[in-house]
PDB file of N, CA and C in Angstrom:
ATOM      1  N   MET A   1     -59.387  15.635 -68.711  1.00  0.00           N
ATOM      2  CA  MET A   1     -59.424  14.274 -68.199  1.00  0.00           C
ATOM      3  C   MET A   1     -58.022  13.678 -68.150  1.00  0.00           C
ATOM      4  N   LYS A   2     -57.255  13.872 -69.232  1.00  0.00           N
ATOM      5  CA  LYS A   2     -55.895  13.327 -69.256  1.00  0.00           C
ATOM      6  C   LYS A   2     -55.040  13.948 -68.158  1.00  0.00           C
ATOM      7  N   LEU A   3     -55.172  15.253 -67.972  1.00  0.00           N
ATOM      8  CA  LEU A   3     -54.388  15.936 -66.948  1.00  0.00           C
ATOM      9  C   LEU A   3     -54.744  15.401 -65.563  1.00  0.00           C
ATOM     10  N   ARG A   4     -56.010  15.185 -65.302  1.00  0.00           N
ATOM     11  CA  ARG A   4     -56.440  14.654 -64.007  1.00  0.00           C
ATOM     12  C   ARG A   4     -55.856  13.253 -63.794  1.00  0.00           C
ATOM     13  N   HIS A   5     -55.850  12.435 -64.832  1.00  0.00           N
ATOM     14  CA  HIS A   5     -55.290  11.074 -64.740  1.00  0.00           C
ATOM     15  C   HIS A   5     -53.788  11.133 -64.480  1.00  0.00           C
ATOM     16  N   MET A   6     -53.104  12.054 -65.170  1.00  0.00           N
ATOM     17  CA  MET A   6     -51.657  12.192 -64.974  1.00  0.00           C
ATOM     18  C   MET A   6     -51.349  12.629 -63.548  1.00  0.00           C
ATOM     19  N   ILE A   7     -52.116  13.545 -63.029  1.00  0.00           N
ATOM     20  CA  ILE A   7     -51.892  14.018 -61.664  1.00  0.00           C
ATOM     21  C   ILE A   7     -52.174  12.900 -60.665  1.00  0.00           C
ATOM     22  N   ALA A   8     -53.242  12.150 -60.905  1.00  0.00           N
ATOM     23  CA  ALA A   8     -53.615  11.070 -59.990  1.00  0.00           C
ATOM     24  C   ALA A   8     -52.575   9.957 -59.950  1.00  0.00           C
ATOM     25  N   THR A   9     -51.921   9.707 -61.074  1.00  0.00           N
ATOM     26  CA  THR A   9     -50.948   8.608 -61.135  1.00  0.00           C
ATOM     27  C   THR A   9     -49.510   9.067 -60.938  1.00  0.00           C
ATOM     28  N   ALA A  10     -49.286  10.352 -60.788  1.00  0.00           N
ATOM     29  CA  ALA A  10     -47.919  10.864 -60.661  1.00  0.00           C
ATOM     30  C   ALA A  10     -47.192  10.308 -59.448  1.00  0.00           C
ATOM     31  N   GLY A  11     -47.899  10.027 -58.388  1.00  0.00           N
ATOM     32  CA  GLY A  11     -47.262   9.531 -57.168  1.00  0.00           C
ATOM     33  C   GLY A  11     -47.052   8.035 -57.134  1.00  0.00           C
ATOM     34  N   LEU A  12     -47.569   7.297 -58.103  1.00  0.00           N
ATOM     35  CA  LEU A  12     -47.431   5.839 -58.091  1.00  0.00           C
ATOM     36  C   LEU A  12     -45.992   5.357 -58.067  1.00  0.00           C
ATOM     37  N   PRO A  13     -45.082   5.947 -58.848  1.00  0.00           N
ATOM     38  CA  PRO A  13     -43.692   5.461 -58.760  1.00  0.00           C
ATOM     39  C   PRO A  13     -43.124   5.549 -57.353  1.00  0.00           C
ATOM     40  N   LEU A  14     -43.498   6.565 -56.601  1.00  0.00           N
ATOM     41  CA  LEU A  14     -43.015   6.690 -55.226  1.00  0.00           C
ATOM     42  C   LEU A  14     -43.571   5.586 -54.343  1.00  0.00           C
ATOM     43  N   VAL A  15     -44.802   5.194 -54.588  1.00  0.00           N
ATOM     44  CA  VAL A  15     -45.397   4.098 -53.827  1.00  0.00           C
ATOM     45  C   VAL A  15     -44.632   2.816 -54.098  1.00  0.00           C
ATOM     46  N   PHE A  16     -44.368   2.539 -55.383  1.00  0.00           N
ATOM     47  CA  PHE A  16     -43.644   1.325 -55.740  1.00  0.00           C
ATOM     48  C   PHE A  16     -42.204   1.367 -55.245  1.00  0.00           C
ATOM     49  N   LEU A  17     -41.577   2.530 -55.295  1.00  0.00           N
ATOM     50  CA  LEU A  17     -40.211   2.671 -54.802  1.00  0.00           C
ATOM     51  C   LEU A  17     -40.162   2.387 -53.308  1.00  0.00           C
ATOM     52  N   GLY A  18     -41.129   2.889 -52.579  1.00  0.00           N
ATOM     53  CA  GLY A  18     -41.185   2.629 -51.144  1.00  0.00           C
ATOM     54  C   GLY A  18     -41.373   1.155 -50.845  1.00  0.00           C
ATOM     55  N   ALA A  19     -42.196   0.487 -51.623  1.00  0.00           N
ATOM     56  CA  ALA A  19     -42.416  -0.947 -51.434  1.00  0.00           C
ATOM     57  C   ALA A  19     -41.150  -1.730 -51.737  1.00  0.00           C
ATOM     58  N   ALA A  20     -40.435  -1.345 -52.786  1.00  0.00           N
ATOM     59  CA  ALA A  20     -39.183  -2.030 -53.130  1.00  0.00           C
ATOM     60  C   ALA A  20     -38.149  -1.836 -52.033  1.00  0.00           C
ATOM     61  N   ALA A  21     -38.063  -0.634 -51.489  1.00  0.00           N
ATOM     62  CA  ALA A  21     -37.100  -0.376 -50.419  1.00  0.00           C
ATOM     63  C   ALA A  21     -37.448  -1.186 -49.174  1.00  0.00           C
ATOM     64  N   ALA A  22     -38.725  -1.325 -48.886  1.00  0.00           N
ATOM     65  CA  ALA A  22     -39.130  -2.112 -47.723  1.00  0.00           C
ATOM     66  C   ALA A  22     -38.760  -3.574 -47.912  1.00  0.00           C
ATOM     67  N   ASP A  23     -38.971  -4.107 -49.108  1.00  0.00           N
ATOM     68  CA  ASP A  23     -38.605  -5.496 -49.391  1.00  0.00           C
ATOM     69  C   ASP A  23     -37.103  -5.696 -49.312  1.00  0.00           C
ATOM     70  N   GLU A  24     -36.330  -4.710 -49.741  1.00  0.00           N
ATOM     71  CA  GLU A  24     -34.868  -4.811 -49.751  1.00  0.00           C
ATOM     72  C   GLU A  24     -34.324  -5.012 -48.346  1.00  0.00           C
ATOM     73  N   SER A  25     -34.975  -4.434 -47.354  1.00  0.00           N
ATOM     74  CA  SER A  25     -34.477  -4.557 -45.989  1.00  0.00           C
ATOM     75  C   SER A  25     -34.559  -5.995 -45.481  1.00  0.00           C
ATOM     76  N   ARG A  26     -35.386  -6.827 -46.102  1.00  0.00           N
ATOM     77  CA  ARG A  26     -35.519  -8.217 -45.683  1.00  0.00           C
ATOM     78  C   ARG A  26     -34.475  -9.124 -46.319  1.00  0.00           C
ATOM     79  N   VAL A  27     -33.831  -8.690 -47.381  1.00  0.00           N
ATOM     80  CA  VAL A  27     -32.821  -9.503 -48.051  1.00  0.00           C
ATOM     81  C   VAL A  27     -31.510  -9.363 -47.285  1.00  0.00           C
ATOM     82  N   GLN A  28     -30.971 -10.475 -46.847  1.00  0.00           N
ATOM     83  CA  GLN A  28     -29.722 -10.473 -46.097  1.00  0.00           C
ATOM     84  C   GLN A  28     -28.639 -11.176 -46.908  1.00  0.00           C
ATOM     85  N   LEU A  29     -27.516 -10.514 -47.090  1.00  0.00           N
ATOM     86  CA  LEU A  29     -26.380 -11.133 -47.770  1.00  0.00           C
ATOM     87  C   LEU A  29     -25.655 -12.064 -46.813  1.00  0.00           C
ATOM     88  N   ALA A  30     -25.106 -13.121 -47.361  1.00  0.00           N
ATOM     89  CA  ALA A  30     -24.294 -14.041 -46.562  1.00  0.00           C
ATOM     90  C   ALA A  30     -23.027 -13.324 -46.113  1.00  0.00           C
ATOM     91  N   ASN A  31     -22.530 -13.654 -44.933  1.00  0.00           N
ATOM     92  CA  ASN A  31     -21.292 -13.058 -44.438  1.00  0.00           C
ATOM     93  C   ASN A  31     -20.109 -13.569 -45.249  1.00  0.00           C
ATOM     94  N   GLY A  32     -19.130 -12.706 -45.429  1.00  0.00           N
ATOM     95  CA  GLY A  32     -17.924 -13.078 -46.143  1.00  0.00           C
ATOM     96  C   GLY A  32     -17.191 -11.853 -46.638  1.00  0.00           C
ATOM     97  N   ALA A  33     -15.917 -12.051 -46.995  1.00  0.00           N
ATOM     98  CA  ALA A  33     -15.109 -10.954 -47.523  1.00  0.00           C
ATOM     99  C   ALA A  33     -15.730 -10.462 -48.823  1.00  0.00           C
ATOM    100  N   GLY A  34     -16.032  -9.183 -48.878  1.00  0.00           N
ATOM    101  CA  GLY A  34     -16.638  -8.598 -50.062  1.00  0.00           C
ATOM    102  C   GLY A  34     -18.110  -8.258 -49.884  1.00  0.00           C
ATOM    103  N   LYS A  35     -18.700  -8.693 -48.792  1.00  0.00           N
ATOM    104  CA  LYS A  35     -20.121  -8.428 -48.536  1.00  0.00           C
ATOM    105  C   LYS A  35     -20.422  -6.931 -48.577  1.00  0.00           C
ATOM    106  N   ASP A  36     -19.589  -6.131 -47.920  1.00  0.00           N
ATOM    107  CA  ASP A  36     -19.818  -4.688 -47.877  1.00  0.00           C
ATOM    108  C   ASP A  36     -19.711  -4.056 -49.259  1.00  0.00           C
ATOM    109  N   LEU A  37     -18.787  -4.559 -50.085  1.00  0.00           N
ATOM    110  CA  LEU A  37     -18.658  -4.031 -51.447  1.00  0.00           C
ATOM    111  C   LEU A  37     -19.888  -4.366 -52.281  1.00  0.00           C
ATOM    112  N   VAL A  38     -20.407  -5.565 -52.110  1.00  0.00           N
ATOM    113  CA  VAL A  38     -21.632  -5.949 -52.823  1.00  0.00           C
ATOM    114  C   VAL A  38     -22.781  -5.051 -52.377  1.00  0.00           C
ATOM    115  N   ALA A  39     -22.921  -4.886 -51.068  1.00  0.00           N
ATOM    116  CA  ALA A  39     -23.997  -4.053 -50.535  1.00  0.00           C
ATOM    117  C   ALA A  39     -23.881  -2.612 -51.028  1.00  0.00           C
ATOM    118  N   ALA A  40     -22.678  -2.097 -51.116  1.00  0.00           N
ATOM    119  CA  ALA A  40     -22.481  -0.703 -51.520  1.00  0.00           C
ATOM    120  C   ALA A  40     -22.615  -0.496 -53.021  1.00  0.00           C
ATOM    121  N   ASN A  41     -22.192  -1.470 -53.813  1.00  0.00           N
ATOM    122  CA  ASN A  41     -22.149  -1.283 -55.262  1.00  0.00           C
ATOM    123  C   ASN A  41     -23.353  -1.844 -56.005  1.00  0.00           C
ATOM    124  N   CYS A  42     -23.734  -3.039 -55.702  1.00  0.00           N
ATOM    125  CA  CYS A  42     -24.746  -3.721 -56.513  1.00  0.00           C
ATOM    126  C   CYS A  42     -26.133  -3.114 -56.358  1.00  0.00           C
ATOM    127  N   VAL A  43     -26.472  -2.677 -55.145  1.00  0.00           N
ATOM    128  CA  VAL A  43     -27.811  -2.145 -54.918  1.00  0.00           C
ATOM    129  C   VAL A  43     -28.008  -0.739 -55.487  1.00  0.00           C
ATOM    130  N   MET A  44     -26.973  -0.156 -56.049  1.00  0.00           N
ATOM    131  CA  MET A  44     -27.148   1.130 -56.721  1.00  0.00           C
ATOM    132  C   MET A  44     -28.069   0.970 -57.927  1.00  0.00           C
ATOM    133  N   CYS A  45     -28.057  -0.236 -58.525  1.00  0.00           N
ATOM    134  CA  CYS A  45     -28.803  -0.445 -59.766  1.00  0.00           C
ATOM    135  C   CYS A  45     -29.914  -1.483 -59.673  1.00  0.00           C
ATOM    136  N   HIS A  46     -29.806  -2.432 -58.771  1.00  0.00           N
ATOM    137  CA  HIS A  46     -30.821  -3.484 -58.680  1.00  0.00           C
ATOM    138  C   HIS A  46     -30.912  -4.002 -57.253  1.00  0.00           C
ATOM    139  N   SER A  47     -31.942  -4.777 -57.002  1.00  0.00           N
ATOM    140  CA  SER A  47     -32.137  -5.320 -55.659  1.00  0.00           C
ATOM    141  C   SER A  47     -31.189  -6.490 -55.417  1.00  0.00           C
ATOM    142  N   LEU A  48     -31.040  -6.832 -54.167  1.00  0.00           N
ATOM    143  CA  LEU A  48     -30.210  -7.982 -53.812  1.00  0.00           C
ATOM    144  C   LEU A  48     -30.847  -9.294 -54.255  1.00  0.00           C
ATOM    145  N   ASP A  49     -32.143  -9.274 -54.530  1.00  0.00           N
ATOM    146  CA  ASP A  49     -32.799 -10.477 -55.038  1.00  0.00           C
ATOM    147  C   ASP A  49     -32.194 -10.931 -56.358  1.00  0.00           C
ATOM    148  N   TYR A  50     -31.658  -9.991 -57.129  1.00  0.00           N
ATOM    149  CA  TYR A  50     -31.020 -10.346 -58.400  1.00  0.00           C
ATOM    150  C   TYR A  50     -29.906 -11.363 -58.167  1.00  0.00           C
ATOM    151  N   ILE A  51     -29.173 -11.202 -57.084  1.00  0.00           N
ATOM    152  CA  ILE A  51     -28.076 -12.123 -56.761  1.00  0.00           C
ATOM    153  C   ILE A  51     -28.630 -13.506 -56.467  1.00  0.00           C
ATOM    154  N   ARG A  52     -29.627 -13.559 -55.616  1.00  0.00           N
ATOM    155  CA  ARG A  52     -30.202 -14.861 -55.256  1.00  0.00           C
ATOM    156  C   ARG A  52     -30.893 -15.530 -56.438  1.00  0.00           C
ATOM    157  N   MET A  53     -31.529 -14.752 -57.292  1.00  0.00           N
ATOM    158  CA  MET A  53     -32.207 -15.330 -58.455  1.00  0.00           C
ATOM    159  C   MET A  53     -31.222 -15.974 -59.420  1.00  0.00           C
ATOM    160  N   ASN A  54     -30.034 -15.408 -59.539  1.00  0.00           N
ATOM    161  CA  ASN A  54     -29.053 -15.899 -60.503  1.00  0.00           C
ATOM    162  C   ASN A  54     -28.076 -16.907 -59.929  1.00  0.00           C
ATOM    163  N   SER A  55     -27.989 -17.009 -58.620  1.00  0.00           N
ATOM    164  CA  SER A  55     -26.976 -17.860 -58.004  1.00  0.00           C
ATOM    165  C   SER A  55     -27.037 -19.326 -58.407  1.00  0.00           C
ATOM    166  N   PRO A  56     -28.198 -19.918 -58.668  1.00  0.00           N
ATOM    167  CA  PRO A  56     -28.186 -21.332 -59.066  1.00  0.00           C
ATOM    168  C   PRO A  56     -27.541 -21.574 -60.429  1.00  0.00           C
ATOM    169  N   PHE A  57     -27.376 -20.523 -61.214  1.00  0.00           N
ATOM    170  CA  PHE A  57     -26.918 -20.672 -62.589  1.00  0.00           C
ATOM    171  C   PHE A  57     -25.495 -20.196 -62.839  1.00  0.00           C
ATOM    172  N   LEU A  58     -24.927 -19.396 -61.933  1.00  0.00           N
ATOM    173  CA  LEU A  58     -23.663 -18.726 -62.218  1.00  0.00           C
ATOM    174  C   LEU A  58     -22.502 -19.287 -61.407  1.00  0.00           C
ATOM    175  N   ASP A  59     -21.482 -19.721 -62.127  1.00  0.00           N
ATOM    176  CA  ASP A  59     -20.216 -20.109 -61.511  1.00  0.00           C
ATOM    177  C   ASP A  59     -19.270 -18.917 -61.659  1.00  0.00           C
ATOM    178  N   GLU A  60     -17.969 -19.128 -61.454  1.00  0.00           N
ATOM    179  CA  GLU A  60     -17.025 -17.999 -61.548  1.00  0.00           C
ATOM    180  C   GLU A  60     -17.074 -17.331 -62.919  1.00  0.00           C
ATOM    181  N   LYS A  61     -17.115 -18.122 -63.958  1.00  0.00           N
ATOM    182  CA  LYS A  61     -17.175 -17.569 -65.320  1.00  0.00           C
ATOM    183  C   LYS A  61     -18.458 -16.752 -65.504  1.00  0.00           C
ATOM    184  N   GLY A  62     -19.562 -17.269 -64.989  1.00  0.00           N
ATOM    185  CA  GLY A  62     -20.837 -16.572 -65.112  1.00  0.00           C
ATOM    186  C   GLY A  62     -20.892 -15.274 -64.328  1.00  0.00           C
ATOM    187  N   TRP A  63     -20.381 -15.294 -63.085  1.00  0.00           N
ATOM    188  CA  TRP A  63     -20.367 -14.068 -62.287  1.00  0.00           C
ATOM    189  C   TRP A  63     -19.427 -13.034 -62.895  1.00  0.00           C
ATOM    190  N   THR A  64     -18.316 -13.499 -63.482  1.00  0.00           N
ATOM    191  CA  THR A  64     -17.391 -12.575 -64.148  1.00  0.00           C
ATOM    192  C   THR A  64     -18.067 -11.931 -65.349  1.00  0.00           C
ATOM    193  N   ALA A  65     -18.777 -12.726 -66.133  1.00  0.00           N
ATOM    194  CA  ALA A  65     -19.497 -12.190 -67.290  1.00  0.00           C
ATOM    195  C   ALA A  65     -20.582 -11.206 -66.845  1.00  0.00           C
ATOM    196  N   THR A  66     -21.247 -11.525 -65.751  1.00  0.00           N
ATOM    197  CA  THR A  66     -22.279 -10.633 -65.228  1.00  0.00           C
ATOM    198  C   THR A  66     -21.666  -9.313 -64.780  1.00  0.00           C
ATOM    199  N   MET A  67     -20.528  -9.373 -64.094  1.00  0.00           N
ATOM    200  CA  MET A  67     -19.840  -8.152 -63.668  1.00  0.00           C
ATOM    201  C   MET A  67     -19.444  -7.322 -64.888  1.00  0.00           C
ATOM    202  N   ASN A  68     -18.888  -7.973 -65.899  1.00  0.00           N
ATOM    203  CA  ASN A  68     -18.494  -7.253 -67.113  1.00  0.00           C
ATOM    204  C   ASN A  68     -19.694  -6.571 -67.758  1.00  0.00           C
ATOM    205  N   LYS A  69     -20.832  -7.259 -67.802  1.00  0.00           N
ATOM    206  CA  LYS A  69     -22.046  -6.671 -68.374  1.00  0.00           C
ATOM    207  C   LYS A  69     -22.491  -5.468 -67.549  1.00  0.00           C
ATOM    208  N   MET A  70     -22.473  -5.614 -66.233  1.00  0.00           N
ATOM    209  CA  MET A  70     -22.922  -4.524 -65.370  1.00  0.00           C
ATOM    210  C   MET A  70     -22.054  -3.280 -65.554  1.00  0.00           C
ATOM    211  N   VAL A  71     -20.754  -3.482 -65.672  1.00  0.00           N
ATOM    212  CA  VAL A  71     -19.830  -2.351 -65.779  1.00  0.00           C
ATOM    213  C   VAL A  71     -19.791  -1.798 -67.202  1.00  0.00           C
ATOM    214  N   LYS A  72     -19.583  -2.665 -68.178  1.00  0.00           N
ATOM    215  CA  LYS A  72     -19.355  -2.203 -69.555  1.00  0.00           C
ATOM    216  C   LYS A  72     -20.627  -1.860 -70.316  1.00  0.00           C
ATOM    217  N   VAL A  73     -21.695  -2.597 -70.077  1.00  0.00           N
ATOM    218  CA  VAL A  73     -22.934  -2.356 -70.816  1.00  0.00           C
ATOM    219  C   VAL A  73     -23.882  -1.446 -70.035  1.00  0.00           C
ATOM    220  N   MET A  74     -24.060  -1.759 -68.755  1.00  0.00           N
ATOM    221  CA  MET A  74     -25.024  -1.014 -67.948  1.00  0.00           C
ATOM    222  C   MET A  74     -24.426   0.246 -67.322  1.00  0.00           C
ATOM    223  N   GLY A  75     -23.091   0.345 -67.321  1.00  0.00           N
ATOM    224  CA  GLY A  75     -22.440   1.546 -66.807  1.00  0.00           C
ATOM    225  C   GLY A  75     -22.289   1.617 -65.298  1.00  0.00           C
ATOM    226  N   ALA A  76     -22.299   0.472 -64.629  1.00  0.00           N
ATOM    227  CA  ALA A  76     -22.131   0.475 -63.172  1.00  0.00           C
ATOM    228  C   ALA A  76     -20.753   1.035 -62.805  1.00  0.00           C
ATOM    229  N   PRO A  77     -20.704   2.013 -61.907  1.00  0.00           N
ATOM    230  CA  PRO A  77     -19.434   2.654 -61.553  1.00  0.00           C
ATOM    231  C   PRO A  77     -18.678   1.889 -60.463  1.00  0.00           C
ATOM    232  N   ILE A  78     -18.302   0.650 -60.773  1.00  0.00           N
ATOM    233  CA  ILE A  78     -17.597  -0.183 -59.798  1.00  0.00           C
ATOM    234  C   ILE A  78     -16.106  -0.124 -60.104  1.00  0.00           C
ATOM    235  N   LYS A  79     -15.316   0.235 -59.104  1.00  0.00           N
ATOM    236  CA  LYS A  79     -13.867   0.331 -59.282  1.00  0.00           C
ATOM    237  C   LYS A  79     -13.302  -1.020 -59.710  1.00  0.00           C
ATOM    238  N   GLU A  80     -12.309  -0.968 -60.578  1.00  0.00           N
ATOM    239  CA  GLU A  80     -11.713  -2.203 -61.098  1.00  0.00           C
ATOM    240  C   GLU A  80     -11.173  -3.089 -59.980  1.00  0.00           C
ATOM    241  N   GLU A  81     -10.536  -2.474 -58.983  1.00  0.00           N
ATOM    242  CA  GLU A  81      -9.967  -3.275 -57.896  1.00  0.00           C
ATOM    243  C   GLU A  81     -11.063  -3.919 -57.033  1.00  0.00           C
ATOM    244  N   ASP A  82     -12.239  -3.326 -56.996  1.00  0.00           N
ATOM    245  CA  ASP A  82     -13.353  -3.900 -56.234  1.00  0.00           C
ATOM    246  C   ASP A  82     -14.056  -5.026 -56.988  1.00  0.00           C
ATOM    247  N   GLN A  83     -13.981  -5.001 -58.295  1.00  0.00           N
ATOM    248  CA  GLN A  83     -14.669  -6.004 -59.106  1.00  0.00           C
ATOM    249  C   GLN A  83     -14.212  -7.420 -58.771  1.00  0.00           C
ATOM    250  N   LYS A  84     -12.922  -7.620 -58.617  1.00  0.00           N
ATOM    251  CA  LYS A  84     -12.395  -8.957 -58.313  1.00  0.00           C
ATOM    252  C   LYS A  84     -12.878  -9.448 -56.951  1.00  0.00           C
ATOM    253  N   THR A  85     -12.902  -8.550 -55.975  1.00  0.00           N
ATOM    254  CA  THR A  85     -13.366  -8.920 -54.639  1.00  0.00           C
ATOM    255  C   THR A  85     -14.850  -9.266 -54.666  1.00  0.00           C
ATOM    256  N   ILE A  86     -15.628  -8.488 -55.394  1.00  0.00           N
ATOM    257  CA  ILE A  86     -17.065  -8.748 -55.507  1.00  0.00           C
ATOM    258  C   ILE A  86     -17.313 -10.089 -56.191  1.00  0.00           C
ATOM    259  N   ILE A  87     -16.595 -10.345 -57.275  1.00  0.00           N
ATOM    260  CA  ILE A  87     -16.752 -11.620 -57.989  1.00  0.00           C
ATOM    261  C   ILE A  87     -16.383 -12.782 -57.076  1.00  0.00           C
ATOM    262  N   ALA A  88     -15.273 -12.658 -56.357  1.00  0.00           N
ATOM    263  CA  ALA A  88     -14.847 -13.733 -55.446  1.00  0.00           C
ATOM    264  C   ALA A  88     -15.914 -13.985 -54.379  1.00  0.00           C
ATOM    265  N   TYR A  89     -16.496 -12.925 -53.845  1.00  0.00           N
ATOM    266  CA  TYR A  89     -17.566 -13.070 -52.850  1.00  0.00           C
ATOM    267  C   TYR A  89     -18.774 -13.780 -53.457  1.00  0.00           C
ATOM    268  N   LEU A  90     -19.196 -13.337 -54.636  1.00  0.00           N
ATOM    269  CA  LEU A  90     -20.371 -13.936 -55.270  1.00  0.00           C
ATOM    270  C   LEU A  90     -20.152 -15.411 -55.586  1.00  0.00           C
ATOM    271  N   VAL A  91     -18.950 -15.753 -56.026  1.00  0.00           N
ATOM    272  CA  VAL A  91     -18.637 -17.159 -56.320  1.00  0.00           C
ATOM    273  C   VAL A  91     -18.659 -17.979 -55.033  1.00  0.00           C
ATOM    274  N   ALA A  92     -18.012 -17.458 -53.982  1.00  0.00           N
ATOM    275  CA  ALA A  92     -17.917 -18.201 -52.721  1.00  0.00           C
ATOM    276  C   ALA A  92     -19.277 -18.365 -52.042  1.00  0.00           C
ATOM    277  N   GLN A  93     -20.074 -17.313 -52.048  1.00  0.00           N
ATOM    278  CA  GLN A  93     -21.335 -17.336 -51.302  1.00  0.00           C
ATOM    279  C   GLN A  93     -22.546 -17.733 -52.137  1.00  0.00           C
ATOM    280  N   TYR A  94     -22.493 -17.414 -53.439  1.00  0.00           N
ATOM    281  CA  TYR A  94     -23.673 -17.611 -54.283  1.00  0.00           C
ATOM    282  C   TYR A  94     -23.351 -18.311 -55.594  1.00  0.00           C
ATOM    283  N   GLY A  95     -22.175 -18.897 -55.689  1.00  0.00           N
ATOM    284  CA  GLY A  95     -21.800 -19.568 -56.927  1.00  0.00           C
ATOM    285  C   GLY A  95     -22.558 -20.864 -57.130  1.00  0.00           C
ATOM    286  N   LYS A  96     -22.691 -21.234 -58.376  1.00  0.00           N
ATOM    287  CA  LYS A  96     -23.353 -22.492 -58.737  1.00  0.00           C
ATOM    288  C   LYS A  96     -22.648 -23.641 -58.040  1.00  0.00           C
ATOM    289  N   LYS A  97     -23.402 -24.463 -57.373  1.00  0.00           N
ATOM    290  CA  LYS A  97     -22.831 -25.594 -56.621  1.00  0.00           C
ATOM    291  C   LYS A  97     -22.875 -26.856 -57.450  1.00  0.00           C
TER     292      LYS A  97
END
């Protein structure tokens, strides 16, 4: 019985992954310098919705702290020279107003 249940549910992660990818195509980043770096780097680990969810709360200090957490704690492989451009983009387009 357990084996049958495991086999039946083995494909569920693929279903959810497909749904997440479909939703991701609807999220559009604001135009600006650094947009391509955000698209290339940030979505390796999380959806673009993470940016929109946090934007009401994060100013430059907050986005910098978030970048540091992503790189140092979560292990995001973002080049140091790209980090500043990404932070500047996030502050300009999604920073706390």
